[in-house]
């Protein structure tokens, strides 16, 4: 697990107490693309659900996650794919 991956997991866990959280470093899939760094840790995908999302639409949830992770964007996170997965 990468350092940024750990920080993303820690930040989202602290703020959201998620019921589901998967964080994947996808940087290797974007080598040579805009925003990619040879060192990696630039492109991530998450799958997440938290009871705190109840009553929020997808746009508000995405905004909340992006606000929580703003320090990561400020320090080199280029892209974040977010899948909101509501448990059945």
PDB file of N, CA and C in Angstrom:
ATOM      1  N   UNK A   1       0.857  -1.179   0.000  1.00  0.00           N
ATOM      2  CA  UNK A   1       0.000   0.000   0.000  1.00  0.00           C
ATOM      3  C   UNK A   1       0.899   1.236   0.000  1.00  0.00           C
ATOM      4  N   UNK A   2       0.591   2.205  -0.853  1.00  0.00           N
ATOM      5  CA  UNK A   2       1.412   3.405  -0.966  1.00  0.00           C
ATOM      6  C   UNK A   2       1.125   4.378   0.177  1.00  0.00           C
ATOM      7  N   UNK A   3       2.018   5.325   0.352  1.00  0.00           N
ATOM      8  CA  UNK A   3       1.823   6.343   1.386  1.00  0.00           C
ATOM      9  C   UNK A   3       0.538   7.129   1.155  1.00  0.00           C
ATOM     10  N   UNK A   4       0.330   7.576  -0.094  1.00  0.00           N
ATOM     11  CA  UNK A   4      -0.883   8.344  -0.385  1.00  0.00           C
ATOM     12  C   UNK A   4      -2.122   7.476  -0.172  1.00  0.00           C
ATOM     13  N   UNK A   5      -2.038   6.232  -0.545  1.00  0.00           N
ATOM     14  CA  UNK A   5      -3.157   5.310  -0.355  1.00  0.00           C
ATOM     15  C   UNK A   5      -3.508   5.227   1.138  1.00  0.00           C
ATOM     16  N   UNK A   6      -2.502   5.135   1.984  1.00  0.00           N
ATOM     17  CA  UNK A   6      -2.728   5.114   3.431  1.00  0.00           C
ATOM     18  C   UNK A   6      -3.348   6.419   3.920  1.00  0.00           C
ATOM     19  N   UNK A   7      -2.856   7.535   3.407  1.00  0.00           N
ATOM     20  CA  UNK A   7      -3.389   8.837   3.833  1.00  0.00           C
ATOM     21  C   UNK A   7      -4.839   9.003   3.391  1.00  0.00           C
ATOM     22  N   UNK A   8      -5.151   8.567   2.179  1.00  0.00           N
ATOM     23  CA  UNK A   8      -6.531   8.636   1.696  1.00  0.00           C
ATOM     24  C   UNK A   8      -7.430   7.802   2.598  1.00  0.00           C
ATOM     25  N   UNK A   9      -7.015   6.582   2.870  1.00  0.00           N
ATOM     26  CA  UNK A   9      -7.797   5.682   3.736  1.00  0.00           C
ATOM     27  C   UNK A   9      -7.986   6.305   5.123  1.00  0.00           C
ATOM     28  N   UNK A  10      -6.921   6.832   5.685  1.00  0.00           N
ATOM     29  CA  UNK A  10      -6.980   7.415   7.027  1.00  0.00           C
ATOM     30  C   UNK A  10      -7.906   8.626   7.062  1.00  0.00           C
ATOM     31  N   UNK A  11      -7.777   9.521   6.082  1.00  0.00           N
ATOM     32  CA  UNK A  11      -8.603  10.731   6.056  1.00  0.00           C
ATOM     33  C   UNK A  11     -10.083  10.407   5.901  1.00  0.00           C
ATOM     34  N   UNK A  12     -10.399   9.507   4.971  1.00  0.00           N
ATOM     35  CA  UNK A  12     -11.803   9.161   4.750  1.00  0.00           C
ATOM     36  C   UNK A  12     -12.391   8.408   5.937  1.00  0.00           C
ATOM     37  N   UNK A  13     -11.602   7.551   6.542  1.00  0.00           N
ATOM     38  CA  UNK A  13     -12.078   6.814   7.716  1.00  0.00           C
ATOM     39  C   UNK A  13     -12.358   7.767   8.868  1.00  0.00           C
ATOM     40  N   UNK A  14     -11.461   8.711   9.102  1.00  0.00           N
ATOM     41  CA  UNK A  14     -11.628   9.661  10.203  1.00  0.00           C
ATOM     42  C   UNK A  14     -12.858  10.543  10.015  1.00  0.00           C
ATOM     43  N   UNK A  15     -13.113  10.968   8.795  1.00  0.00           N
ATOM     44  CA  UNK A  15     -14.211  11.905   8.529  1.00  0.00           C
ATOM     45  C   UNK A  15     -15.554  11.229   8.296  1.00  0.00           C
ATOM     46  N   UNK A  16     -15.544  10.030   7.735  1.00  0.00           N
ATOM     47  CA  UNK A  16     -16.800   9.407   7.290  1.00  0.00           C
ATOM     48  C   UNK A  16     -17.209   8.169   8.080  1.00  0.00           C
ATOM     49  N   UNK A  17     -16.297   7.556   8.805  1.00  0.00           N
ATOM     50  CA  UNK A  17     -16.570   6.255   9.446  1.00  0.00           C
ATOM     51  C   UNK A  17     -17.295   5.338   8.458  1.00  0.00           C
ATOM     52  N   UNK A  18     -16.665   5.056   7.317  1.00  0.00           N
ATOM     53  CA  UNK A  18     -17.355   4.324   6.251  1.00  0.00           C
ATOM     54  C   UNK A  18     -17.680   2.878   6.610  1.00  0.00           C
ATOM     55  N   UNK A  19     -18.799   2.417   6.074  1.00  0.00           N
ATOM     56  CA  UNK A  19     -19.176   1.008   6.178  1.00  0.00           C
ATOM     57  C   UNK A  19     -18.421   0.189   5.143  1.00  0.00           C
ATOM     58  N   UNK A  20     -18.047   0.832   4.042  1.00  0.00           N
ATOM     59  CA  UNK A  20     -17.285   0.216   2.962  1.00  0.00           C
ATOM     60  C   UNK A  20     -16.254   1.228   2.494  1.00  0.00           C
ATOM     61  N   UNK A  21     -15.010   0.808   2.370  1.00  0.00           N
ATOM     62  CA  UNK A  21     -13.975   1.667   1.818  1.00  0.00           C
ATOM     63  C   UNK A  21     -12.898   0.804   1.190  1.00  0.00           C
ATOM     64  N   UNK A  22     -12.736   0.973  -0.112  1.00  0.00           N
ATOM     65  CA  UNK A  22     -11.639   0.337  -0.850  1.00  0.00           C
ATOM     66  C   UNK A  22     -10.890   1.448  -1.564  1.00  0.00           C
ATOM     67  N   UNK A  23      -9.584   1.448  -1.440  1.00  0.00           N
ATOM     68  CA  UNK A  23      -8.741   2.465  -2.067  1.00  0.00           C
ATOM     69  C   UNK A  23      -7.719   1.747  -2.928  1.00  0.00           C
ATOM     70  N   UNK A  24      -7.675   2.097  -4.204  1.00  0.00           N
ATOM     71  CA  UNK A  24      -6.753   1.433  -5.129  1.00  0.00           C
ATOM     72  C   UNK A  24      -5.905   2.472  -5.854  1.00  0.00           C
ATOM     73  N   UNK A  25      -4.613   2.218  -5.911  1.00  0.00           N
ATOM     74  CA  UNK A  25      -3.686   3.066  -6.655  1.00  0.00           C
ATOM     75  C   UNK A  25      -3.704   2.611  -8.116  1.00  0.00           C
ATOM     76  N   UNK A  26      -4.243   3.457  -8.978  1.00  0.00           N
ATOM     77  CA  UNK A  26      -4.352   3.152 -10.411  1.00  0.00           C
ATOM     78  C   UNK A  26      -3.266   3.839 -11.237  1.00  0.00           C
ATOM     79  N   UNK A  27      -2.277   4.405 -10.583  1.00  0.00           N
ATOM     80  CA  UNK A  27      -1.272   5.217 -11.273  1.00  0.00           C
ATOM     81  C   UNK A  27      -0.581   4.467 -12.397  1.00  0.00           C
ATOM     82  N   UNK A  28      -0.326   3.176 -12.203  1.00  0.00           N
ATOM     83  CA  UNK A  28       0.362   2.395 -13.233  1.00  0.00           C
ATOM     84  C   UNK A  28      -0.440   2.341 -14.534  1.00  0.00           C
ATOM     85  N   UNK A  29      -1.726   2.496 -14.458  1.00  0.00           N
ATOM     86  CA  UNK A  29      -2.579   2.468 -15.661  1.00  0.00           C
ATOM     87  C   UNK A  29      -2.530   3.779 -16.437  1.00  0.00           C
ATOM     88  N   UNK A  30      -1.937   4.802 -15.831  1.00  0.00           N
ATOM     89  CA  UNK A  30      -1.942   6.128 -16.440  1.00  0.00           C
ATOM     90  C   UNK A  30      -0.538   6.629 -16.774  1.00  0.00           C
ATOM     91  N   UNK A  31       0.420   5.751 -16.764  1.00  0.00           N
ATOM     92  CA  UNK A  31       1.797   6.131 -17.088  1.00  0.00           C
ATOM     93  C   UNK A  31       1.835   6.817 -18.446  1.00  0.00           C
ATOM     94  N   UNK A  32       2.478   7.961 -18.478  1.00  0.00           N
ATOM     95  CA  UNK A  32       2.592   8.718 -19.724  1.00  0.00           C
ATOM     96  C   UNK A  32       1.430   9.654 -19.998  1.00  0.00           C
ATOM     97  N   UNK A  33       0.376   9.582 -19.216  1.00  0.00           N
ATOM     98  CA  UNK A  33      -0.778  10.464 -19.406  1.00  0.00           C
ATOM     99  C   UNK A  33      -0.578  11.768 -18.638  1.00  0.00           C
ATOM    100  N   UNK A  34      -1.393  12.740 -18.948  1.00  0.00           N
ATOM    101  CA  UNK A  34      -1.341  14.029 -18.257  1.00  0.00           C
ATOM    102  C   UNK A  34      -1.522  13.819 -16.762  1.00  0.00           C
ATOM    103  N   UNK A  35      -0.694  14.493 -15.984  1.00  0.00           N
ATOM    104  CA  UNK A  35      -0.801  14.426 -14.538  1.00  0.00           C
ATOM    105  C   UNK A  35      -0.119  13.234 -13.909  1.00  0.00           C
ATOM    106  N   UNK A  36       0.333  12.301 -14.723  1.00  0.00           N
ATOM    107  CA  UNK A  36       1.008  11.115 -14.183  1.00  0.00           C
ATOM    108  C   UNK A  36       2.444  11.465 -13.833  1.00  0.00           C
ATOM    109  N   UNK A  37       2.930  10.860 -12.785  1.00  0.00           N
ATOM    110  CA  UNK A  37       4.310  11.052 -12.356  1.00  0.00           C
ATOM    111  C   UNK A  37       5.024   9.712 -12.450  1.00  0.00           C
ATOM    112  N   UNK A  38       6.279   9.708 -12.859  1.00  0.00           N
ATOM    113  CA  UNK A  38       7.018   8.448 -12.886  1.00  0.00           C
ATOM    114  C   UNK A  38       7.065   7.767 -11.512  1.00  0.00           C
ATOM    115  N   UNK A  39       6.942   8.568 -10.458  1.00  0.00           N
ATOM    116  CA  UNK A  39       6.968   8.013  -9.098  1.00  0.00           C
ATOM    117  C   UNK A  39       5.622   7.409  -8.703  1.00  0.00           C
ATOM    118  N   UNK A  40       4.592   7.643  -9.495  1.00  0.00           N
ATOM    119  CA  UNK A  40       3.265   7.104  -9.197  1.00  0.00           C
ATOM    120  C   UNK A  40       2.519   7.944  -8.177  1.00  0.00           C
ATOM    121  N   UNK A  41       1.537   7.338  -7.540  1.00  0.00           N
ATOM    122  CA  UNK A  41       0.707   7.959  -6.513  1.00  0.00           C
ATOM    123  C   UNK A  41      -0.047   9.201  -7.017  1.00  0.00           C
ATOM    124  N   UNK A  42      -0.518   9.144  -8.265  1.00  0.00           N
ATOM    125  CA  UNK A  42      -1.230  10.289  -8.838  1.00  0.00           C
ATOM    126  C   UNK A  42      -2.684   9.990  -9.190  1.00  0.00           C
ATOM    127  N   UNK A  43      -3.012   8.738  -9.432  1.00  0.00           N
ATOM    128  CA  UNK A  43      -4.351   8.346  -9.871  1.00  0.00           C
ATOM    129  C   UNK A  43      -4.886   7.239  -8.947  1.00  0.00           C
ATOM    130  N   UNK A  44      -6.058   7.482  -8.380  1.00  0.00           N
ATOM    131  CA  UNK A  44      -6.650   6.525  -7.440  1.00  0.00           C
ATOM    132  C   UNK A  44      -8.115   6.309  -7.753  1.00  0.00           C
ATOM    133  N   UNK A  45      -8.612   5.174  -7.313  1.00  0.00           N
ATOM    134  CA  UNK A  45     -10.049   4.923  -7.363  1.00  0.00           C
ATOM    135  C   UNK A  45     -10.472   4.469  -5.971  1.00  0.00           C
ATOM    136  N   UNK A  46     -11.680   4.875  -5.602  1.00  0.00           N
ATOM    137  CA  UNK A  46     -12.219   4.437  -4.322  1.00  0.00           C
ATOM    138  C   UNK A  46     -13.633   3.909  -4.525  1.00  0.00           C
ATOM    139  N   UNK A  47     -13.982   2.960  -3.692  1.00  0.00           N
ATOM    140  CA  UNK A  47     -15.353   2.491  -3.545  1.00  0.00           C
ATOM    141  C   UNK A  47     -15.699   2.792  -2.103  1.00  0.00           C
ATOM    142  N   UNK A  48     -16.823   3.455  -1.896  1.00  0.00           N
ATOM    143  CA  UNK A  48     -17.107   3.922  -0.549  1.00  0.00           C
ATOM    144  C   UNK A  48     -18.599   3.983  -0.281  1.00  0.00           C
ATOM    145  N   UNK A  49     -18.939   3.744   0.977  1.00  0.00           N
ATOM    146  CA  UNK A  49     -20.285   4.005   1.479  1.00  0.00           C
ATOM    147  C   UNK A  49     -20.179   4.349   2.953  1.00  0.00           C
ATOM    148  N   UNK A  50     -20.952   5.335   3.353  1.00  0.00           N
ATOM    149  CA  UNK A  50     -21.016   5.743   4.749  1.00  0.00           C
ATOM    150  C   UNK A  50     -22.450   6.118   5.077  1.00  0.00           C
ATOM    151  N   UNK A  51     -22.871   5.810   6.283  1.00  0.00           N
ATOM    152  CA  UNK A  51     -24.204   6.215   6.718  1.00  0.00           C
ATOM    153  C   UNK A  51     -24.355   7.739   6.670  1.00  0.00           C
ATOM    154  N   UNK A  52     -23.245   8.457   6.753  1.00  0.00           N
ATOM    155  CA  UNK A  52     -23.307   9.926   6.692  1.00  0.00           C
ATOM    156  C   UNK A  52     -23.759  10.425   5.317  1.00  0.00           C
ATOM    157  N   UNK A  53     -23.781   9.550   4.308  1.00  0.00           N
ATOM    158  CA  UNK A  53     -24.235   9.931   2.971  1.00  0.00           C
ATOM    159  C   UNK A  53     -25.758   9.936   2.850  1.00  0.00           C
ATOM    160  N   UNK A  54     -26.441   9.340   3.824  1.00  0.00           N
ATOM    161  CA  UNK A  54     -27.906   9.270   3.755  1.00  0.00           C
ATOM    162  C   UNK A  54     -28.487  10.660   3.533  1.00  0.00           C
ATOM    163  N   UNK A  55     -29.392  10.765   2.567  1.00  0.00           N
ATOM    164  CA  UNK A  55     -30.046  12.032   2.258  1.00  0.00           C
ATOM    165  C   UNK A  55     -29.245  12.950   1.347  1.00  0.00           C
ATOM    166  N   UNK A  56     -28.035  12.544   0.974  1.00  0.00           N
ATOM    167  CA  UNK A  56     -27.194  13.354   0.087  1.00  0.00           C
ATOM    168  C   UNK A  56     -27.242  12.782  -1.322  1.00  0.00           C
ATOM    169  N   UNK A  57     -27.242  13.664  -2.322  1.00  0.00           N
ATOM    170  CA  UNK A  57     -27.155  13.177  -3.698  1.00  0.00           C
ATOM    171  C   UNK A  57     -25.686  12.937  -4.055  1.00  0.00           C
ATOM    172  N   UNK A  58     -25.471  12.316  -5.204  1.00  0.00           N
ATOM    173  CA  UNK A  58     -24.102  11.952  -5.610  1.00  0.00           C
ATOM    174  C   UNK A  58     -23.175  13.156  -5.714  1.00  0.00           C
ATOM    175  N   UNK A  59     -23.676  14.270  -6.198  1.00  0.00           N
ATOM    176  CA  UNK A  59     -22.836  15.466  -6.344  1.00  0.00           C
ATOM    177  C   UNK A  59     -22.343  15.924  -4.970  1.00  0.00           C
ATOM    178  N   UNK A  60     -23.221  15.952  -3.986  1.00  0.00           N
ATOM    179  CA  UNK A  60     -22.829  16.380  -2.642  1.00  0.00           C
ATOM    180  C   UNK A  60     -21.833  15.398  -2.026  1.00  0.00           C
ATOM    181  N   UNK A  61     -22.040  14.119  -2.266  1.00  0.00           N
ATOM    182  CA  UNK A  61     -21.104  13.118  -1.746  1.00  0.00           C
ATOM    183  C   UNK A  61     -19.728  13.301  -2.376  1.00  0.00           C
ATOM    184  N   UNK A  62     -19.691  13.480  -3.689  1.00  0.00           N
ATOM    185  CA  UNK A  62     -18.411  13.687  -4.375  1.00  0.00           C
ATOM    186  C   UNK A  62     -17.719  14.944  -3.850  1.00  0.00           C
ATOM    187  N   UNK A  63     -18.477  16.010  -3.671  1.00  0.00           N
ATOM    188  CA  UNK A  63     -17.899  17.257  -3.150  1.00  0.00           C
ATOM    189  C   UNK A  63     -17.321  17.044  -1.759  1.00  0.00           C
ATOM    190  N   UNK A  64     -18.041  16.326  -0.920  1.00  0.00           N
ATOM    191  CA  UNK A  64     -17.581  16.058   0.444  1.00  0.00           C
ATOM    192  C   UNK A  64     -16.260  15.281   0.415  1.00  0.00           C
ATOM    193  N   UNK A  65     -16.200  14.242  -0.403  1.00  0.00           N
ATOM    194  CA  UNK A  65     -14.972  13.441  -0.505  1.00  0.00           C
ATOM    195  C   UNK A  65     -13.823  14.293  -1.031  1.00  0.00           C
ATOM    196  N   UNK A  66     -14.083  15.094  -2.051  1.00  0.00           N
ATOM    197  CA  UNK A  66     -13.032  15.950  -2.608  1.00  0.00           C
ATOM    198  C   UNK A  66     -12.550  16.973  -1.586  1.00  0.00           C
ATOM    199  N   UNK A  67     -13.452  17.510  -0.768  1.00  0.00           N
ATOM    200  CA  UNK A  67     -13.046  18.446   0.289  1.00  0.00           C
ATOM    201  C   UNK A  67     -12.142  17.748   1.304  1.00  0.00           C
ATOM    202  N   UNK A  68     -12.524  16.542   1.702  1.00  0.00           N
ATOM    203  CA  UNK A  68     -11.721  15.788   2.669  1.00  0.00           C
ATOM    204  C   UNK A  68     -10.319  15.525   2.110  1.00  0.00           C
ATOM    205  N   UNK A  69     -10.246  15.250   0.820  1.00  0.00           N
ATOM    206  CA  UNK A  69      -8.969  14.891   0.200  1.00  0.00           C
ATOM    207  C   UNK A  69      -8.250  16.071  -0.454  1.00  0.00           C
ATOM    208  N   UNK A  70      -8.707  17.297  -0.231  1.00  0.00           N
ATOM    209  CA  UNK A  70      -8.073  18.465  -0.839  1.00  0.00           C
ATOM    210  C   UNK A  70      -6.569  18.529  -0.566  1.00  0.00           C
ATOM    211  N   UNK A  71      -6.102  18.201   0.645  1.00  0.00           N
ATOM    212  CA  UNK A  71      -4.640  18.215   0.851  1.00  0.00           C
ATOM    213  C   UNK A  71      -3.894  17.253  -0.075  1.00  0.00           C
ATOM    214  N   UNK A  72      -4.516  16.151  -0.425  1.00  0.00           N
ATOM    215  CA  UNK A  72      -3.882  15.214  -1.353  1.00  0.00           C
ATOM    216  C   UNK A  72      -3.847  15.786  -2.773  1.00  0.00           C
ATOM    217  N   UNK A  73      -4.926  16.443  -3.187  1.00  0.00           N
ATOM    218  CA  UNK A  73      -4.932  17.092  -4.501  1.00  0.00           C
ATOM    219  C   UNK A  73      -3.867  18.193  -4.541  1.00  0.00           C
ATOM    220  N   UNK A  74      -3.735  18.916  -3.435  1.00  0.00           N
ATOM    221  CA  UNK A  74      -2.744  19.996  -3.369  1.00  0.00           C
ATOM    222  C   UNK A  74      -1.312  19.472  -3.423  1.00  0.00           C
ATOM    223  N   UNK A  75      -1.123  18.211  -3.070  1.00  0.00           N
ATOM    224  CA  UNK A  75       0.237  17.662  -3.019  1.00  0.00           C
ATOM    225  C   UNK A  75       0.520  16.623  -4.104  1.00  0.00           C
ATOM    226  N   UNK A  76      -0.287  16.610  -5.176  1.00  0.00           N
ATOM    227  CA  UNK A  76       0.063  15.764  -6.313  1.00  0.00           C
ATOM    228  C   UNK A  76      -0.956  14.728  -6.752  1.00  0.00           C
ATOM    229  N   UNK A  77      -2.027  14.530  -5.993  1.00  0.00           N
ATOM    230  CA  UNK A  77      -3.090  13.641  -6.470  1.00  0.00           C
ATOM    231  C   UNK A  77      -3.717  14.302  -7.689  1.00  0.00           C
ATOM    232  N   UNK A  78      -3.710  13.606  -8.800  1.00  0.00           N
ATOM    233  CA  UNK A  78      -4.194  14.192 -10.048  1.00  0.00           C
ATOM    234  C   UNK A  78      -5.632  13.785 -10.362  1.00  0.00           C
ATOM    235  N   UNK A  79      -5.992  12.537 -10.100  1.00  0.00           N
ATOM    236  CA  UNK A  79      -7.315  12.041 -10.476  1.00  0.00           C
ATOM    237  C   UNK A  79      -7.830  11.065  -9.430  1.00  0.00           C
ATOM    238  N   UNK A  80      -9.136  11.170  -9.182  1.00  0.00           N
ATOM    239  CA  UNK A  80      -9.791  10.289  -8.222  1.00  0.00           C
ATOM    240  C   UNK A  80     -11.109   9.818  -8.813  1.00  0.00           C
ATOM    241  N   UNK A  81     -11.231   8.515  -8.985  1.00  0.00           N
ATOM    242  CA  UNK A  81     -12.484   7.912  -9.436  1.00  0.00           C
ATOM    243  C   UNK A  81     -13.241   7.474  -8.188  1.00  0.00           C
ATOM    244  N   UNK A  82     -14.500   7.899  -8.073  1.00  0.00           N
ATOM    245  CA  UNK A  82     -15.292   7.608  -6.888  1.00  0.00           C
ATOM    246  C   UNK A  82     -16.493   6.765  -7.286  1.00  0.00           C
ATOM    247  N   UNK A  83     -16.632   5.602  -6.663  1.00  0.00           N
ATOM    248  CA  UNK A  83     -17.833   4.777  -6.825  1.00  0.00           C
ATOM    249  C   UNK A  83     -18.528   4.720  -5.473  1.00  0.00           C
ATOM    250  N   UNK A  84     -19.758   5.165  -5.453  1.00  0.00           N
ATOM    251  CA  UNK A  84     -20.541   5.147  -4.228  1.00  0.00           C
ATOM    252  C   UNK A  84     -21.379   3.886  -4.269  1.00  0.00           C
ATOM    253  N   UNK A  85     -21.126   3.001  -3.321  1.00  0.00           N
ATOM    254  CA  UNK A  85     -21.770   1.700  -3.328  1.00  0.00           C
ATOM    255  C   UNK A  85     -22.615   1.558  -2.071  1.00  0.00           C
ATOM    256  N   UNK A  86     -23.901   1.640  -2.260  1.00  0.00           N
ATOM    257  CA  UNK A  86     -24.824   1.504  -1.140  1.00  0.00           C
ATOM    258  C   UNK A  86     -25.036   0.022  -0.856  1.00  0.00           C
ATOM    259  N   UNK A  87     -24.793  -0.401   0.377  1.00  0.00           N
ATOM    260  CA  UNK A  87     -25.035  -1.814   0.698  1.00  0.00           C
ATOM    261  C   UNK A  87     -26.521  -2.161   0.500  1.00  0.00           C
ATOM    262  N   UNK A  88     -26.750  -3.336   0.009  1.00  0.00           N
ATOM    263  CA  UNK A  88     -28.129  -3.783  -0.223  1.00  0.00           C
ATOM    264  C   UNK A  88     -28.732  -4.282   1.057  1.00  0.00           C
TER     265      UNK A  88
END
